[in-house]
Amino acid sequence: MFAVIKTGGKQYKVQSGDVLRVEKLDAAAGETIQFNTILVVGDQIGAPVVAGAAVQAEVIDQIKGEKTIHFVRRRRKHSSKRTKGHRQQLTLVRIKDILATGADATGVKAAVGASSKE
């Protein structure tokens, strides 16, 4: 069975055992988290979400993405150049279980994005 989850402003099609790189979540390595914003589970399509459905995942690690280079050069100004780099903070998760119903009674911590006050 597959599901479509939404986290970090993106949608992911997942199955049990998949490993994902998602936007940084506020969870430590080894913790079990639960995604509650489920758009599709098997043949059930949510409007906008499937009620009572959840996907449980295990946090593998907190990582950084590959570096993206931002190079700025102003036209007709020969000495005006600037190079900046950025590495996005990500969370590596492994999908453990897809629950079509009964997600409220599991007692697993909900997946919440990290605060931007760091």
N, C-alpha and C. Protein backbone atom coordinates (compact mmCIF):
# COMPACT_ATOMS: atom_id res chain seq x y z
N MET A 1 0.85 -1.17 0.00
CA MET A 1 0.00 0.00 0.00
C MET A 1 0.90 1.24 0.00
N PHE A 2 0.44 2.29 -0.65
CA PHE A 2 1.20 3.53 -0.71
C PHE A 2 0.35 4.66 -0.13
N ALA A 3 1.03 5.76 0.14
CA ALA A 3 0.35 6.96 0.64
C ALA A 3 1.07 8.18 0.07
N VAL A 4 0.36 9.30 0.02
CA VAL A 4 0.96 10.57 -0.36
C VAL A 4 0.88 11.47 0.87
N ILE A 5 2.05 11.88 1.37
CA ILE A 5 2.11 12.73 2.56
C ILE A 5 2.55 14.13 2.15
N LYS A 6 2.23 15.10 3.01
CA LYS A 6 2.65 16.47 2.77
C LYS A 6 3.43 16.94 4.00
N THR A 7 4.67 17.37 3.77
CA THR A 7 5.49 17.91 4.84
C THR A 7 6.48 18.90 4.25
N GLY A 8 6.70 19.99 4.93
CA GLY A 8 7.64 20.99 4.46
C GLY A 8 7.24 21.66 3.17
N GLY A 9 5.93 21.71 2.88
CA GLY A 9 5.46 22.34 1.66
C GLY A 9 5.60 21.49 0.41
N LYS A 10 5.99 20.22 0.58
CA LYS A 10 6.16 19.32 -0.55
C LYS A 10 5.34 18.06 -0.33
N GLN A 11 5.05 17.35 -1.41
CA GLN A 11 4.30 16.10 -1.33
C GLN A 11 5.21 14.95 -1.73
N TYR A 12 5.10 13.82 -1.00
CA TYR A 12 5.92 12.66 -1.24
C TYR A 12 5.03 11.42 -1.34
N LYS A 13 5.26 10.59 -2.36
CA LYS A 13 4.59 9.30 -2.46
C LYS A 13 5.48 8.29 -1.76
N VAL A 14 4.95 7.61 -0.73
CA VAL A 14 5.77 6.74 0.11
C VAL A 14 5.16 5.35 0.22
N GLN A 15 6.03 4.38 0.47
CA GLN A 15 5.65 3.02 0.81
C GLN A 15 6.44 2.63 2.04
N SER A 16 6.06 1.55 2.67
CA SER A 16 6.77 1.08 3.85
C SER A 16 8.20 0.72 3.47
N GLY A 17 9.17 1.22 4.24
CA GLY A 17 10.58 0.94 3.97
C GLY A 17 11.30 2.02 3.19
N ASP A 18 10.58 2.99 2.63
CA ASP A 18 11.22 4.06 1.86
C ASP A 18 12.05 4.97 2.77
N VAL A 19 13.13 5.52 2.23
CA VAL A 19 13.96 6.50 2.94
C VAL A 19 13.80 7.84 2.23
N LEU A 20 13.45 8.88 3.00
CA LEU A 20 13.18 10.21 2.43
C LEU A 20 14.10 11.25 3.05
N ARG A 21 14.39 12.29 2.26
CA ARG A 21 15.05 13.49 2.75
C ARG A 21 14.00 14.59 2.75
N VAL A 22 13.53 14.99 3.94
CA VAL A 22 12.49 16.00 4.05
C VAL A 22 13.07 17.24 4.72
N GLU A 23 12.33 18.35 4.65
CA GLU A 23 12.75 19.57 5.33
C GLU A 23 12.93 19.27 6.82
N LYS A 24 13.79 20.02 7.48
CA LYS A 24 14.18 19.73 8.85
C LYS A 24 12.97 19.62 9.78
N LEU A 25 12.94 18.52 10.54
CA LEU A 25 11.90 18.29 11.54
C LEU A 25 12.52 18.35 12.92
N ASP A 26 11.72 18.72 13.90
CA ASP A 26 12.18 18.86 15.27
C ASP A 26 12.12 17.50 15.96
N ALA A 27 13.08 16.62 15.65
CA ALA A 27 13.14 15.29 16.24
C ALA A 27 14.58 14.80 16.21
N ALA A 28 14.95 14.01 17.21
CA ALA A 28 16.31 13.49 17.29
C ALA A 28 16.40 12.16 16.56
N ALA A 29 17.63 11.75 16.25
CA ALA A 29 17.86 10.48 15.56
C ALA A 29 17.36 9.33 16.44
N GLY A 30 16.67 8.38 15.83
CA GLY A 30 16.13 7.24 16.55
C GLY A 30 14.70 7.40 17.01
N GLU A 31 14.18 8.61 17.00
CA GLU A 31 12.79 8.84 17.41
C GLU A 31 11.82 8.36 16.34
N THR A 32 10.62 7.99 16.78
CA THR A 32 9.54 7.66 15.86
C THR A 32 8.60 8.85 15.79
N ILE A 33 8.31 9.28 14.56
CA ILE A 33 7.42 10.42 14.35
C ILE A 33 6.25 9.98 13.49
N GLN A 34 5.23 10.82 13.45
CA GLN A 34 4.01 10.48 12.70
C GLN A 34 3.60 11.66 11.84
N PHE A 35 3.42 11.42 10.54
CA PHE A 35 2.92 12.43 9.62
C PHE A 35 1.40 12.29 9.58
N ASN A 36 0.69 13.39 9.88
CA ASN A 36 -0.77 13.34 9.95
C ASN A 36 -1.46 13.98 8.74
N THR A 37 -0.72 14.68 7.90
CA THR A 37 -1.30 15.30 6.71
C THR A 37 -1.15 14.32 5.56
N ILE A 38 -2.14 13.44 5.41
CA ILE A 38 -2.12 12.38 4.41
C ILE A 38 -3.14 12.73 3.33
N LEU A 39 -2.68 12.84 2.09
CA LEU A 39 -3.56 13.24 1.00
C LEU A 39 -4.21 12.04 0.32
N VAL A 40 -3.48 10.92 0.21
CA VAL A 40 -3.99 9.70 -0.43
C VAL A 40 -3.47 8.50 0.34
N VAL A 41 -4.35 7.52 0.58
CA VAL A 41 -3.95 6.23 1.15
C VAL A 41 -4.57 5.15 0.29
N GLY A 42 -3.74 4.40 -0.44
CA GLY A 42 -4.26 3.36 -1.32
C GLY A 42 -5.22 3.93 -2.35
N ASP A 43 -6.50 3.53 -2.25
CA ASP A 43 -7.49 4.05 -3.19
C ASP A 43 -8.38 5.14 -2.56
N GLN A 44 -8.10 5.54 -1.31
CA GLN A 44 -8.83 6.62 -0.66
C GLN A 44 -8.17 7.95 -1.01
N ILE A 45 -8.95 8.88 -1.51
CA ILE A 45 -8.45 10.21 -1.83
C ILE A 45 -9.09 11.19 -0.87
N GLY A 46 -8.27 11.97 -0.19
CA GLY A 46 -8.77 12.92 0.79
C GLY A 46 -9.30 14.18 0.15
N ALA A 47 -10.13 14.89 0.92
CA ALA A 47 -10.67 16.15 0.43
C ALA A 47 -10.58 17.19 1.54
N PRO A 48 -9.48 17.81 1.85
CA PRO A 48 -8.15 17.68 1.26
C PRO A 48 -7.30 16.58 1.88
N VAL A 49 -7.62 16.11 3.11
CA VAL A 49 -6.82 15.05 3.73
C VAL A 49 -7.71 13.86 4.07
N VAL A 50 -7.10 12.70 4.25
CA VAL A 50 -7.82 11.50 4.65
C VAL A 50 -7.93 11.52 6.17
N ALA A 51 -9.15 11.53 6.69
CA ALA A 51 -9.37 11.61 8.13
C ALA A 51 -8.94 10.31 8.81
N GLY A 52 -8.19 10.45 9.91
CA GLY A 52 -7.78 9.30 10.70
C GLY A 52 -6.58 8.54 10.15
N ALA A 53 -6.03 8.96 9.04
CA ALA A 53 -4.88 8.26 8.45
C ALA A 53 -3.58 8.90 8.93
N ALA A 54 -2.52 8.11 8.95
CA ALA A 54 -1.21 8.61 9.36
C ALA A 54 -0.12 7.72 8.77
N VAL A 55 1.07 8.26 8.72
CA VAL A 55 2.25 7.51 8.30
C VAL A 55 3.28 7.66 9.40
N GLN A 56 3.78 6.53 9.91
CA GLN A 56 4.79 6.56 10.95
C GLN A 56 6.16 6.35 10.33
N ALA A 57 7.14 7.09 10.84
CA ALA A 57 8.50 7.03 10.30
C ALA A 57 9.50 7.11 11.44
N GLU A 58 10.69 6.60 11.17
CA GLU A 58 11.78 6.66 12.14
C GLU A 58 12.81 7.66 11.62
N VAL A 59 13.26 8.56 12.49
CA VAL A 59 14.28 9.54 12.12
C VAL A 59 15.63 8.84 12.11
N ILE A 60 16.31 8.88 10.96
CA ILE A 60 17.62 8.26 10.86
C ILE A 60 18.71 9.25 11.27
N ASP A 61 18.64 10.48 10.73
CA ASP A 61 19.70 11.45 11.01
C ASP A 61 19.24 12.85 10.60
N GLN A 62 19.90 13.85 11.16
CA GLN A 62 19.74 15.24 10.72
C GLN A 62 20.94 15.54 9.82
N ILE A 63 20.69 15.92 8.57
CA ILE A 63 21.78 16.11 7.60
C ILE A 63 21.66 17.48 6.94
N LYS A 64 22.66 17.82 6.14
CA LYS A 64 22.62 19.01 5.31
C LYS A 64 22.61 18.57 3.86
N GLY A 65 21.87 19.30 3.03
CA GLY A 65 21.82 19.01 1.60
C GLY A 65 23.09 19.46 0.91
N GLU A 66 23.17 19.18 -0.37
CA GLU A 66 24.34 19.60 -1.13
C GLU A 66 24.36 21.12 -1.25
N LYS A 67 25.55 21.67 -1.40
CA LYS A 67 25.70 23.12 -1.44
C LYS A 67 25.24 23.67 -2.79
N THR A 68 24.44 24.72 -2.73
CA THR A 68 24.06 25.44 -3.94
C THR A 68 24.81 26.76 -3.94
N ILE A 69 25.37 27.11 -5.08
CA ILE A 69 26.17 28.32 -5.21
C ILE A 69 25.33 29.41 -5.86
N HIS A 70 25.36 30.59 -5.25
CA HIS A 70 24.66 31.75 -5.79
C HIS A 70 25.72 32.78 -6.17
N PHE A 71 25.92 32.98 -7.46
CA PHE A 71 26.94 33.90 -7.96
C PHE A 71 26.26 35.13 -8.54
N VAL A 72 26.64 36.30 -8.05
CA VAL A 72 26.07 37.56 -8.51
C VAL A 72 27.17 38.36 -9.20
N ARG A 73 26.90 38.77 -10.43
CA ARG A 73 27.83 39.63 -11.16
C ARG A 73 26.99 40.73 -11.80
N ARG A 74 27.35 41.96 -11.51
CA ARG A 74 26.59 43.07 -12.05
C ARG A 74 27.15 43.47 -13.41
N ARG A 75 26.26 43.64 -14.36
CA ARG A 75 26.69 43.99 -15.72
C ARG A 75 27.39 45.35 -15.75
N ARG A 76 28.39 45.44 -16.56
CA ARG A 76 29.14 46.67 -16.81
C ARG A 76 29.89 47.19 -15.58
N LYS A 77 29.98 46.41 -14.55
CA LYS A 77 30.76 46.78 -13.38
C LYS A 77 31.76 45.65 -13.18
N HIS A 78 32.97 45.86 -13.65
CA HIS A 78 33.93 44.78 -13.78
C HIS A 78 34.46 44.25 -12.45
N SER A 79 34.33 45.01 -11.40
CA SER A 79 34.87 44.52 -10.13
C SER A 79 33.76 44.17 -9.14
N SER A 80 32.54 44.04 -9.60
CA SER A 80 31.43 43.78 -8.70
C SER A 80 30.96 42.34 -8.85
N LYS A 81 31.49 41.46 -7.99
CA LYS A 81 31.12 40.04 -8.00
C LYS A 81 30.90 39.59 -6.57
N ARG A 82 30.05 38.60 -6.42
CA ARG A 82 29.80 38.05 -5.09
C ARG A 82 29.40 36.60 -5.21
N THR A 83 29.95 35.75 -4.37
CA THR A 83 29.61 34.33 -4.36
C THR A 83 29.10 33.97 -2.97
N LYS A 84 27.93 33.35 -2.94
CA LYS A 84 27.36 32.89 -1.67
C LYS A 84 26.97 31.43 -1.84
N GLY A 85 27.07 30.66 -0.77
CA GLY A 85 26.65 29.27 -0.79
C GLY A 85 25.59 29.01 0.26
N HIS A 86 24.81 27.96 0.04
CA HIS A 86 23.75 27.61 0.99
C HIS A 86 23.61 26.10 1.05
N ARG A 87 23.48 25.56 2.26
CA ARG A 87 23.21 24.14 2.45
C ARG A 87 21.94 24.02 3.29
N GLN A 88 20.91 23.43 2.70
CA GLN A 88 19.62 23.29 3.37
C GLN A 88 19.71 22.21 4.44
N GLN A 89 19.12 22.46 5.60
CA GLN A 89 19.08 21.45 6.66
C GLN A 89 17.92 20.50 6.39
N LEU A 90 18.21 19.20 6.43
CA LEU A 90 17.24 18.17 6.09
C LEU A 90 17.18 17.12 7.19
N THR A 91 16.12 16.34 7.18
CA THR A 91 15.97 15.21 8.08
C THR A 91 15.81 13.96 7.24
N LEU A 92 16.58 12.94 7.55
CA LEU A 92 16.52 11.66 6.85
C LEU A 92 15.59 10.75 7.64
N VAL A 93 14.50 10.27 7.02
CA VAL A 93 13.52 9.42 7.70
C VAL A 93 13.28 8.14 6.92
N ARG A 94 12.96 7.07 7.65
CA ARG A 94 12.59 5.79 7.04
C ARG A 94 11.13 5.52 7.39
N ILE A 95 10.31 5.27 6.38
CA ILE A 95 8.88 5.02 6.59
C ILE A 95 8.72 3.63 7.20
N LYS A 96 8.01 3.56 8.35
CA LYS A 96 7.82 2.29 9.03
C LYS A 96 6.45 1.68 8.75
N ASP A 97 5.40 2.51 8.83
CA ASP A 97 4.05 1.95 8.76
C ASP A 97 3.10 2.99 8.18
N ILE A 98 2.12 2.50 7.43
CA ILE A 98 1.06 3.35 6.88
C ILE A 98 -0.25 2.92 7.52
N LEU A 99 -0.88 3.84 8.26
CA LEU A 99 -2.12 3.54 8.97
C LEU A 99 -3.28 4.21 8.24
N ALA A 100 -4.23 3.40 7.74
CA ALA A 100 -5.39 3.97 7.06
C ALA A 100 -6.39 4.53 8.06
N THR A 101 -6.47 3.91 9.25
CA THR A 101 -7.37 4.38 10.31
C THR A 101 -6.68 4.22 11.65
N GLY A 102 -7.24 4.85 12.68
CA GLY A 102 -6.74 4.67 14.04
C GLY A 102 -5.46 5.41 14.35
N ALA A 103 -5.18 6.48 13.66
CA ALA A 103 -3.93 7.21 13.87
C ALA A 103 -3.92 7.98 15.18
N ASP A 104 -5.09 8.33 15.70
CA ASP A 104 -5.16 9.15 16.91
C ASP A 104 -4.76 8.39 18.16
N ALA A 105 -4.92 7.08 18.17
CA ALA A 105 -4.68 6.29 19.37
C ALA A 105 -3.27 5.73 19.47
N THR A 106 -2.35 6.12 18.59
CA THR A 106 -1.02 5.52 18.58
C THR A 106 -0.10 6.10 19.64
N GLY A 107 -0.27 7.36 20.01
CA GLY A 107 0.58 7.98 21.02
C GLY A 107 1.96 8.34 20.51
N VAL A 108 2.15 8.40 19.19
CA VAL A 108 3.45 8.74 18.60
C VAL A 108 3.51 10.24 18.38
N LYS A 109 4.70 10.83 18.59
CA LYS A 109 4.91 12.27 18.42
C LYS A 109 4.66 12.68 16.97
N ALA A 110 3.90 13.76 16.79
CA ALA A 110 3.61 14.26 15.45
C ALA A 110 4.84 14.94 14.86
N ALA A 111 5.00 14.83 13.56
CA ALA A 111 6.13 15.46 12.86
C ALA A 111 5.87 16.95 12.76
N VAL A 112 6.75 17.74 13.37
CA VAL A 112 6.61 19.19 13.37
C VAL A 112 7.91 19.77 12.86
N GLY A 113 7.81 20.77 11.98
CA GLY A 113 9.01 21.42 11.44
C GLY A 113 9.78 22.13 12.53
N ALA A 114 11.07 22.30 12.32
CA ALA A 114 11.92 22.97 13.29
C ALA A 114 11.59 24.45 13.31
N SER A 115 11.77 25.08 14.47
CA SER A 115 11.48 26.50 14.60
C SER A 115 12.54 27.29 13.84
N SER A 116 12.16 28.44 13.33
CA SER A 116 13.08 29.25 12.54
C SER A 116 13.87 30.23 13.41
N LYS A 117 13.86 30.07 14.72
CA LYS A 117 14.55 30.98 15.63
C LYS A 117 15.96 30.51 15.96
N GLU A 118 16.50 29.56 15.23
CA GLU A 118 17.83 29.02 15.52
C GLU A 118 18.92 29.96 15.09
